[in-house]
Protein backbone atom coordinates (compact mmCIF):
# COMPACT_ATOMS: atom_id res chain seq x y z
CA PHE A 1 6.04 32.75 9.51
CA ILE A 2 6.44 30.80 6.58
CA ASP A 3 8.69 28.49 8.47
CA LEU A 4 5.78 27.90 11.28
CA GLU A 5 3.52 27.50 8.62
CA LYS A 6 5.54 24.38 7.45
CA LYS A 7 6.37 22.86 10.58
CA LEU A 8 2.51 23.03 11.48
CA ALA A 9 1.69 21.71 8.42
CA ASN A 10 4.44 18.66 8.57
CA TYR A 11 3.04 18.28 12.39
CA ILE A 12 -0.42 18.08 11.26
CA LEU A 13 0.39 15.44 8.73
CA ALA A 14 2.62 13.28 11.05
CA CYS A 15 -0.55 13.47 13.16
CA ILE A 16 -2.49 12.20 10.69
CA GLN A 17 -0.10 9.72 9.49
CA GLU A 18 0.14 7.94 12.98
CA ASN A 19 -3.43 7.05 12.69
CA LYS A 20 -2.97 4.58 10.19
CA ILE A 21 -4.86 6.48 7.43
CA ARG A 22 -6.39 3.42 5.37
CA ASP A 23 -7.94 2.50 8.50
CA LEU A 24 -9.87 5.48 9.27
CA ASP A 25 -13.73 5.69 8.33
CA HIS A 26 -15.57 7.61 6.07
CA THR A 27 -16.45 10.66 8.55
CA THR A 28 -12.96 11.13 9.79
CA SER A 29 -11.62 10.61 6.36
CA GLN A 30 -13.42 13.70 5.06
CA LYS A 31 -12.64 15.72 8.04
CA LEU A 32 -8.90 15.02 7.71
CA ILE A 33 -9.29 16.10 4.01
CA GLU A 34 -10.63 19.28 5.08
CA GLU A 35 -7.27 19.76 7.19
CA VAL A 36 -5.02 18.70 4.51
CA ASP A 37 -6.52 21.00 2.01
CA LEU A 38 -5.62 23.95 4.13
CA ILE A 39 -2.06 22.73 4.07
CA LEU A 40 -2.30 22.59 0.20
CA GLU A 41 -3.32 26.39 0.32
CA TRP A 42 0.02 27.04 1.85
CA ASP A 43 2.11 24.91 -0.19
CA LEU A 44 0.12 23.32 -3.38
CA HIS A 45 3.00 21.03 -4.13
CA HIS A 46 3.49 19.40 -0.49
CA TYR A 47 4.28 15.65 -1.34
CA GLN A 48 3.25 14.57 2.01
CA ALA A 49 -0.23 16.55 1.91
CA LEU A 50 -0.76 15.15 -1.60
CA ASN A 51 -0.05 11.28 -0.76
CA ILE A 52 -1.87 11.68 2.24
CA ARG A 53 -4.95 13.31 0.55
CA GLY A 54 -4.77 10.52 -2.01
CA MET A 55 -5.09 8.16 0.49
CA LEU A 56 -8.31 9.51 2.34
CA TYR A 57 -9.65 10.00 -1.02
CA THR A 58 -9.09 6.27 -1.72
CA ASN A 59 -11.02 5.41 1.89
CA LEU A 60 -14.01 7.57 0.48
CA GLU A 61 -13.54 5.32 -2.68
CA GLU A 62 -13.18 8.78 -4.75
CA TYR A 63 -10.67 6.97 -6.84
CA GLU A 64 -10.10 9.44 -9.60
CA LYS A 65 -9.34 12.01 -7.00
CA ALA A 66 -6.98 9.99 -5.34
CA ILE A 67 -5.34 8.98 -8.62
CA GLU A 68 -5.22 12.80 -9.82
CA ASP A 69 -3.36 14.00 -6.00
CA LEU A 70 -1.08 10.57 -5.97
CA THR A 71 0.02 11.62 -9.73
CA LEU A 72 0.84 15.28 -8.39
CA ALA A 73 2.85 13.98 -5.33
CA ILE A 74 4.55 11.71 -7.95
CA ASP A 75 5.38 14.90 -10.14
CA VAL A 76 6.62 16.54 -6.97
CA GLU A 77 8.84 13.55 -6.12
CA LEU A 78 9.73 11.24 -8.74
CA ILE A 79 11.95 8.90 -6.69
CA GLU A 80 9.82 8.46 -3.57
CA ASP A 81 8.29 4.96 -3.60
CA GLU A 82 5.34 5.74 -1.25
CA ALA A 83 3.22 7.39 -3.67
CA TYR A 84 3.53 4.84 -6.47
CA VAL A 85 2.76 2.08 -3.86
CA ASN A 86 -0.60 3.93 -2.89
CA ARG A 87 -1.35 4.91 -6.60
CA GLY A 88 -0.88 1.12 -7.45
CA ILE A 89 -3.16 0.20 -4.67
CA VAL A 90 -6.17 2.78 -6.06
CA TYR A 91 -5.63 1.17 -9.61
CA PHE A 92 -5.92 -2.49 -8.03
CA LYS A 93 -8.98 -1.34 -6.20
CA MET A 94 -10.23 0.01 -9.69
CA GLY A 95 -9.64 -3.27 -11.42
CA ASP A 96 -6.73 -1.96 -13.16
CA HIS A 97 -4.16 -4.64 -12.70
CA LYS A 98 -1.86 -3.18 -15.73
CA ASN A 99 -1.31 -0.02 -14.34
CA ALA A 100 -1.32 -1.25 -10.42
CA LEU A 101 1.46 -3.47 -11.59
CA PHE A 102 3.50 -0.74 -13.27
CA ASP A 103 3.25 1.53 -10.40
CA LEU A 104 4.25 -1.31 -8.12
CA ASP A 105 7.30 -2.38 -9.99
CA LEU A 106 8.36 1.50 -9.98
CA ALA A 107 7.90 1.52 -6.00
CA ASP A 108 9.81 -1.91 -6.18
CA ALA A 109 12.71 -0.61 -8.17
CA LEU A 110 12.93 2.66 -5.96
CA SER A 111 12.69 0.82 -2.60
CA ILE A 112 14.50 -2.51 -3.48
CA ASP A 113 12.45 -5.32 -2.32
CA ASP A 114 10.21 -3.47 0.55
CA PRO A 115 8.25 -6.50 1.93
CA TYR A 116 4.97 -4.07 2.05
CA VAL A 117 5.44 -3.09 -1.97
CA LEU A 118 5.85 -7.07 -2.80
CA TYR A 119 2.78 -7.94 -0.95
CA CYS A 120 1.01 -5.45 -2.80
CA ARG A 121 2.41 -6.48 -5.75
CA GLY A 122 1.78 -10.19 -4.96
CA SER A 123 -2.10 -9.35 -4.44
CA VAL A 124 -2.44 -8.11 -7.96
CA TYR A 125 -0.73 -11.15 -9.59
CA TYR A 126 -2.96 -13.23 -7.16
CA GLU A 127 -6.04 -11.46 -8.35
CA GLN A 128 -4.77 -12.05 -11.92
CA GLU A 129 -4.62 -15.77 -11.35
CA ASP A 130 -0.95 -15.60 -11.90
CA TYR A 131 -0.09 -17.57 -8.78
CA VAL A 132 3.92 -18.15 -9.38
CA SER A 133 4.53 -14.81 -9.52
CA ALA A 134 2.16 -13.91 -6.47
CA PHE A 135 4.12 -16.97 -4.81
CA ASP A 136 7.40 -15.32 -5.56
CA ASP A 137 6.34 -11.92 -4.03
CA PHE A 138 4.37 -13.23 -1.29
CA HIS A 139 7.41 -15.56 -0.07
CA LEU A 140 9.79 -12.65 -0.50
CA ALA A 141 7.73 -10.35 1.58
CA PHE A 142 7.34 -13.20 4.35
CA GLU A 143 11.25 -13.76 4.42
CA LYS A 144 11.99 -10.11 4.70
CA GLY A 145 9.57 -9.69 7.90
CA TYR A 146 6.05 -9.04 6.58
CA SER A 147 3.62 -11.30 8.12
CA ASP A 148 -0.04 -10.02 7.23
CA HIS A 149 -2.32 -12.92 7.75
CA SER A 150 -4.19 -12.41 4.58
CA MET A 151 -0.92 -12.71 2.40
CA LEU A 152 0.24 -15.98 4.37
CA LEU A 153 -3.24 -17.54 3.42
CA LYS A 154 -2.73 -16.14 -0.31
CA MET A 155 0.79 -17.40 -0.36
CA ILE A 156 -0.51 -21.06 0.57
CA PHE A 157 -3.04 -21.17 -1.83
CA SER A 158 -0.83 -19.65 -4.57
CA LYS A 159 1.65 -22.67 -3.90
CA TYR A 160 -1.51 -24.95 -3.97
CA ARG A 161 -2.90 -23.52 -7.17
CA THR A 162 0.42 -24.39 -8.87
CA GLY A 163 -0.17 -27.99 -8.53
CA ASP A 164 2.30 -28.88 -6.34
CA PRO A 165 0.28 -30.48 -2.87
CA VAL A 166 3.30 -32.12 -1.26
CA LYS A 167 5.41 -28.37 -1.02
CA THR A 168 2.04 -26.88 -0.37
CA TYR A 169 1.71 -29.23 2.76
CA THR A 170 5.56 -28.44 3.64
CA LEU A 171 4.83 -24.84 3.32
CA SER A 172 1.71 -24.78 5.56
CA GLU A 173 3.72 -26.98 8.40
CA GLU A 174 6.32 -24.07 8.10
CA LEU A 175 3.87 -21.08 8.57
CA ALA A 176 1.89 -22.53 10.94
CA SER A 177 4.15 -21.77 13.38
CA SER A 178 4.03 -18.20 12.53
CA PHE A 179 0.32 -18.20 13.03
CA ALA A 180 0.93 -18.68 16.72
CA GLU A 181 4.23 -16.83 17.00
CA SER A 182 3.34 -13.61 15.09
CA SER A 183 1.26 -10.42 16.13
CA PHE A 184 -0.77 -10.11 12.44
CA PHE A 185 -2.48 -7.31 11.32
CA LEU A 186 -4.67 -6.83 8.00
CA ALA A 187 -3.26 -5.19 4.92
CA PRO A 188 -5.52 -3.03 2.67
CA PHE A 189 -6.19 -5.88 0.03
């Protein structure tokens, strides 16, 4: 019976994750928290359930609860980068750039140049007006296949704000083809 519960829990969590958690509205997020709570009643230390509930709390802008769940998820699986990324996003949304960078640096070390981690960390640098570091992360994320529209704009603006208009123009020309050829999606920043 316990194996059946675990399989059911994993199935429910996979379905939730399939719906792109960051895009869910307030009502749906609240309802899904209730479903995830049932899974956590079976297994208090279910990494994926804690991580997903943390993301759902982020959708509801209940950042303290999100941090609590994501920290518990990290305690369960220290070497999984996903909860570090998600907690870094929450810290960023709270305006805590120091902790956001700490978590995103850890996630980068665990994932080895995951383009999404690089994009998230670049967004924190961008917000801090560290345009050189922002550009470096955005550029590396782009080279690794991440083509979010807002990231490409931030990458161009980062290069511009470093004071090199010629390289900014060249970069803009190179990226113009990406705007036309790629299918873009919006990230959570």
